[in-house]
Amino acid sequence: MESKTLADNGVGSSGGDLAAADDFYDRPTVIELLGAVREFLTGPVMAETSGSTRFHARVAANVLAIVERQLAADPEAIDDFHAALSELGVTDAAGLVDGIRDGTLADDARVHALLTASVEAKLRVDNPTLIEKS
């Protein structure tokens, strides 16, 4: 039997669709399952291993933590990002880059606000300690 991803099963990239899936599947939820595996890696696995195995367990635990935060993140940041792109007259991030590069958006104050907000939202998922330090 072929293994399917969350996306294959209709769960989007943000946590918005996840609530409906968790309501159907009961507990433990996807986020609880990810947390359990992460705690196993950072607890017994890291305590009982060393060297590259311990390093890879830490990397895997960090990946799971990022996935947990991404699934739990407010989808409003993504919606706001796309709305701001639309206001700037571009359809995606590549269009934003092109507009900055060719100068049509280089001096638009909304670009700075959009980039600041999107970087902060991404850091809240990827590495929230960087936001907490600032």
Foldseek 3Di string as FASTA:
>chain_A
DDDDDVVRVPCDQALPSQVVVCVVVPPPGPLVVLVVLLCCLVPPVLVPDDDPSNVVSPVSSLVSQLSSCRNVADCVLVVVLQVLCVVVVHRDPVRVVVCCVVVVCVPPPSNVVSVVSNVQSSCVRNPVVVVVVD
